[in-house]
């Protein structure tokens, strides 16, 4: 049976620190400080995520605290200046929020974070209700998988798949997440395929491929 790829639900933090749209500025700052987070989702109607307030949103108040802008700069940064003058979550938050579904793959989530320039994403179900929070650190959890688990998956999902008749001649070793494949195989064309499939296993750091085609007798 094929191993199921890791998804956001496997690594997300299920305990969520969130605030209401009416939350005051100092209340938001206190929540971030207490729980050591850099952003908090804003929820209403029980659990529906309507926005996110980040440290960057809050720091605008400090940035413009003693800095008077000209009319041109005010128009260029109209959203920033509006947030700098606000004190409730509904006016400070970034909306609509960038969110991810529990079933999204880890690569999909990582690409979304990179594209939007965020460190954390609310995880929401189909109705927009919050299910958890996923951070960059959460995405790295797969690299904590034990070496023996990685070795077993590489053997089952790569070696036995590609070399059903000669897989017992292939050695799979894993050290600190680095997979080494060695031994004779029937077809050299499968060497790059084996390396690619092994590298795709969640938690694998790198692959060293020392496979070699069997020499014909005679």
Protein backbone atom coordinates (compact mmCIF):
# COMPACT_ATOMS: atom_id res chain seq x y z
CA UNK A 1 0.00 0.00 0.00
CA UNK A 2 1.32 3.44 -0.90
CA UNK A 3 2.21 5.78 1.96
CA UNK A 4 -0.03 8.81 2.17
CA UNK A 5 1.84 12.11 1.66
CA UNK A 6 1.94 14.50 4.58
CA UNK A 7 -0.60 17.31 4.49
CA UNK A 8 -1.09 20.50 6.49
CA UNK A 9 -3.37 18.75 9.00
CA UNK A 10 -0.49 16.44 9.94
CA UNK A 11 1.82 19.23 11.09
CA UNK A 12 -0.37 22.24 11.98
CA UNK A 13 -0.77 23.58 15.51
CA UNK A 14 -4.33 22.94 16.60
CA UNK A 15 -4.34 25.31 19.56
CA UNK A 16 -5.10 28.69 18.01
CA UNK A 17 -4.68 32.14 19.53
CA UNK A 18 -7.26 34.37 17.86
CA UNK A 19 -8.94 37.70 18.50
CA UNK A 20 -12.34 39.21 17.74
CA UNK A 21 -12.83 42.10 15.30
CA UNK A 22 -13.48 44.44 18.24
CA UNK A 23 -10.23 43.54 20.03
CA UNK A 24 -8.27 46.61 21.10
CA UNK A 25 -4.71 47.35 19.96
CA UNK A 26 -3.14 46.65 23.36
CA UNK A 27 -5.16 43.45 23.72
CA UNK A 28 -3.72 42.18 20.45
CA UNK A 29 -0.17 43.11 21.45
CA UNK A 30 -0.65 41.37 24.81
CA UNK A 31 -1.91 38.19 23.12
CA UNK A 32 1.07 38.09 20.77
CA UNK A 33 3.49 38.62 23.64
CA UNK A 34 1.88 36.04 25.89
CA UNK A 35 1.75 33.29 23.29
CA UNK A 36 4.97 34.28 21.47
CA UNK A 37 3.38 34.53 18.02
CA UNK A 38 3.96 37.05 15.24
CA UNK A 39 0.38 37.14 13.94
CA UNK A 40 -3.15 36.30 15.08
CA UNK A 41 -6.23 35.45 13.03
CA UNK A 42 -9.33 37.57 13.51
CA UNK A 43 -12.49 35.47 13.84
CA UNK A 44 -16.20 36.17 13.99
CA UNK A 45 -19.42 34.13 14.02
CA UNK A 46 -17.81 31.56 16.26
CA UNK A 47 -14.76 30.58 14.25
CA UNK A 48 -14.86 32.08 10.73
CA UNK A 49 -11.58 33.76 9.85
CA UNK A 50 -12.09 37.25 8.45
CA UNK A 51 -8.56 38.60 8.62
CA UNK A 52 -5.10 38.41 10.16
CA UNK A 53 -3.28 40.97 12.29
CA UNK A 54 0.50 40.69 12.14
CA UNK A 55 3.34 42.44 13.89
CA UNK A 56 3.89 44.39 10.67
CA UNK A 57 0.33 45.76 10.87
CA UNK A 58 0.85 46.87 14.46
CA UNK A 59 4.27 48.39 13.89
CA UNK A 60 2.77 50.91 11.47
CA UNK A 61 1.53 52.84 14.51
CA UNK A 62 5.10 53.17 15.75
CA UNK A 63 6.43 53.98 12.27
CA UNK A 64 4.09 56.94 11.86
CA UNK A 65 4.12 57.96 15.52
CA UNK A 66 6.29 61.06 15.02
CA UNK A 67 6.50 61.16 11.23
CA UNK A 68 4.21 63.55 9.37
CA UNK A 69 3.61 62.55 5.76
CA UNK A 70 3.06 64.84 2.82
CA UNK A 71 -0.13 64.52 0.79
CA UNK A 72 1.55 62.53 -1.99
CA UNK A 73 3.05 60.00 0.42
CA UNK A 74 -0.24 59.71 2.27
CA UNK A 75 -1.99 58.72 -0.96
CA UNK A 76 0.75 56.27 -1.85
CA UNK A 77 0.48 54.60 1.55
CA UNK A 78 -3.19 55.13 2.24
CA UNK A 79 -3.74 51.63 3.66
CA UNK A 80 -0.70 51.89 5.92
CA UNK A 81 -1.63 55.31 7.25
CA UNK A 82 -5.20 54.14 7.90
CA UNK A 83 -3.91 51.22 9.94
CA UNK A 84 -1.51 53.48 11.82
CA UNK A 85 -4.47 55.51 13.02
CA UNK A 86 -6.57 52.50 13.99
CA UNK A 87 -6.94 50.71 17.30
CA UNK A 88 -9.23 47.73 16.71
CA UNK A 89 -8.55 44.43 14.98
CA UNK A 90 -11.21 45.01 12.31
CA UNK A 91 -9.33 48.09 11.09
CA UNK A 92 -5.81 46.76 11.61
CA UNK A 93 -6.19 43.34 10.00
CA UNK A 94 -5.22 42.29 6.52
CA UNK A 95 -8.36 41.12 4.74
CA UNK A 96 -9.30 38.95 2.97
CA UNK A 97 -6.97 36.61 4.82
CA UNK A 98 -4.52 34.26 3.13
CA UNK A 99 -5.52 30.80 4.34
CA UNK A 100 -4.81 27.17 3.55
CA UNK A 101 -6.93 24.02 3.78
CA UNK A 102 -6.10 21.09 6.10
CA UNK A 103 -5.71 18.80 3.09
CA UNK A 104 -3.18 20.97 1.24
CA UNK A 105 0.20 19.36 0.66
CA UNK A 106 3.25 20.72 2.46
CA UNK A 107 4.88 21.90 -0.80
CA UNK A 108 1.67 23.74 -1.73
CA UNK A 109 1.63 25.43 1.67
CA UNK A 110 5.31 26.37 1.45
CA UNK A 111 4.83 27.89 -2.01
CA UNK A 112 1.83 29.90 -0.79
CA UNK A 113 3.82 31.26 2.16
CA UNK A 114 6.68 32.24 -0.12
CA UNK A 115 4.42 33.85 -2.71
CA UNK A 116 2.54 35.92 -0.12
CA UNK A 117 5.56 36.65 2.08
CA UNK A 118 3.99 35.32 5.28
CA UNK A 119 5.36 33.15 8.09
CA UNK A 120 2.08 31.67 9.34
CA UNK A 121 -1.24 30.73 7.75
CA UNK A 122 -4.64 30.07 9.32
CA UNK A 123 -5.90 26.62 8.41
CA UNK A 124 -9.60 26.71 7.58
CA UNK A 125 -12.26 24.23 6.48
CA UNK A 126 -14.62 24.66 3.53
CA UNK A 127 -16.83 27.04 5.50
CA UNK A 128 -13.91 29.26 6.50
CA UNK A 129 -13.91 28.06 10.13
CA UNK A 130 -10.49 27.92 11.71
CA UNK A 131 -8.96 24.49 12.30
CA UNK A 132 -5.43 25.43 13.25
CA UNK A 133 -2.35 27.45 12.40
CA UNK A 134 0.58 26.33 10.28
CA UNK A 135 3.96 28.05 10.46
CA UNK A 136 7.24 27.68 8.65
CA UNK A 137 8.54 25.75 11.65
CA UNK A 138 5.60 23.34 11.38
CA UNK A 139 6.50 22.57 7.77
CA UNK A 140 9.95 21.48 8.93
CA UNK A 141 8.55 18.86 11.33
CA UNK A 142 8.68 16.18 8.63
CA UNK A 143 12.48 16.38 8.78
CA UNK A 144 12.30 15.04 12.34
CA UNK A 145 11.01 11.66 11.12
CA UNK A 146 13.19 8.79 12.44
CA UNK A 147 15.73 7.40 10.01
CA UNK A 148 14.24 3.93 10.34
CA UNK A 149 10.83 5.23 9.23
CA UNK A 150 12.40 6.88 6.20
CA UNK A 151 14.32 3.71 5.33
CA UNK A 152 11.15 1.62 5.53
CA UNK A 153 9.25 4.02 3.30
CA UNK A 154 12.03 4.27 0.72
CA UNK A 155 12.24 0.49 0.57
CA UNK A 156 8.48 0.09 0.22
CA UNK A 157 7.76 3.04 -2.07
CA UNK A 158 10.91 3.06 -4.21
CA UNK A 159 12.90 -0.17 -4.13
CA UNK A 160 10.00 -2.63 -4.13
CA UNK A 161 8.16 -0.56 -6.71
CA UNK A 162 11.02 -0.24 -9.20
CA UNK A 163 12.82 -3.52 -8.55
CA UNK A 164 10.18 -6.10 -7.59
CA UNK A 165 12.40 -9.04 -8.61
CA UNK A 166 15.79 -7.85 -7.42
CA UNK A 167 14.97 -5.45 -4.60
CA UNK A 168 16.61 -7.68 -2.01
CA UNK A 169 19.97 -6.82 -3.60
CA UNK A 170 19.48 -3.10 -3.05
CA UNK A 171 20.67 -1.67 0.25
CA UNK A 172 18.85 1.30 1.79
CA UNK A 173 20.68 3.23 4.50
CA UNK A 174 19.52 6.46 6.12
CA UNK A 175 21.71 8.64 8.31
CA UNK A 176 20.37 11.99 9.62
CA UNK A 177 17.78 12.01 6.85
CA UNK A 178 20.30 11.34 4.06
CA UNK A 179 19.36 8.24 2.05
CA UNK A 180 22.02 6.06 0.44
CA UNK A 181 20.92 3.54 -2.18
CA UNK A 182 23.47 0.98 -3.28
CA UNK A 183 23.61 -2.37 -5.04
CA UNK A 184 23.04 -3.89 -8.47
CA UNK A 185 19.87 -3.25 -10.47
CA UNK A 186 18.77 -4.64 -13.84
CA UNK A 187 18.47 -1.36 -15.75
CA UNK A 188 20.67 1.73 -15.39
CA UNK A 189 17.87 3.90 -16.80
CA UNK A 190 16.06 3.43 -13.47
CA UNK A 191 18.87 4.97 -11.42
CA UNK A 192 17.71 8.63 -11.78
CA UNK A 193 14.11 7.51 -11.26
CA UNK A 194 15.03 5.81 -7.99
CA UNK A 195 16.90 8.90 -6.81
CA UNK A 196 13.97 11.17 -7.68
CA UNK A 197 11.40 9.00 -5.94
CA UNK A 198 13.55 8.64 -2.84
CA UNK A 199 14.08 12.39 -2.68
CA UNK A 200 10.30 12.89 -2.85
CA UNK A 201 9.73 10.94 0.38
CA UNK A 202 8.64 13.40 3.10
CA UNK A 203 11.49 14.05 5.51
CA UNK A 204 14.36 13.01 3.24
CA UNK A 205 17.15 15.57 3.34
CA UNK A 206 19.23 14.27 0.44
CA UNK A 207 19.85 11.13 -1.61
CA UNK A 208 23.15 9.47 -2.49
CA UNK A 209 22.61 7.04 -5.32
CA UNK A 210 25.26 4.33 -5.67
CA UNK A 211 23.20 1.92 -7.71
CA UNK A 212 24.79 0.22 -10.66
CA UNK A 213 23.46 -1.88 -13.53
CA UNK A 214 24.10 -5.60 -13.25
CA UNK A 215 26.76 -6.90 -15.57
CA UNK A 216 25.62 -9.45 -18.09
CA UNK A 217 27.16 -12.86 -17.78
CA UNK A 218 29.25 -14.44 -20.44
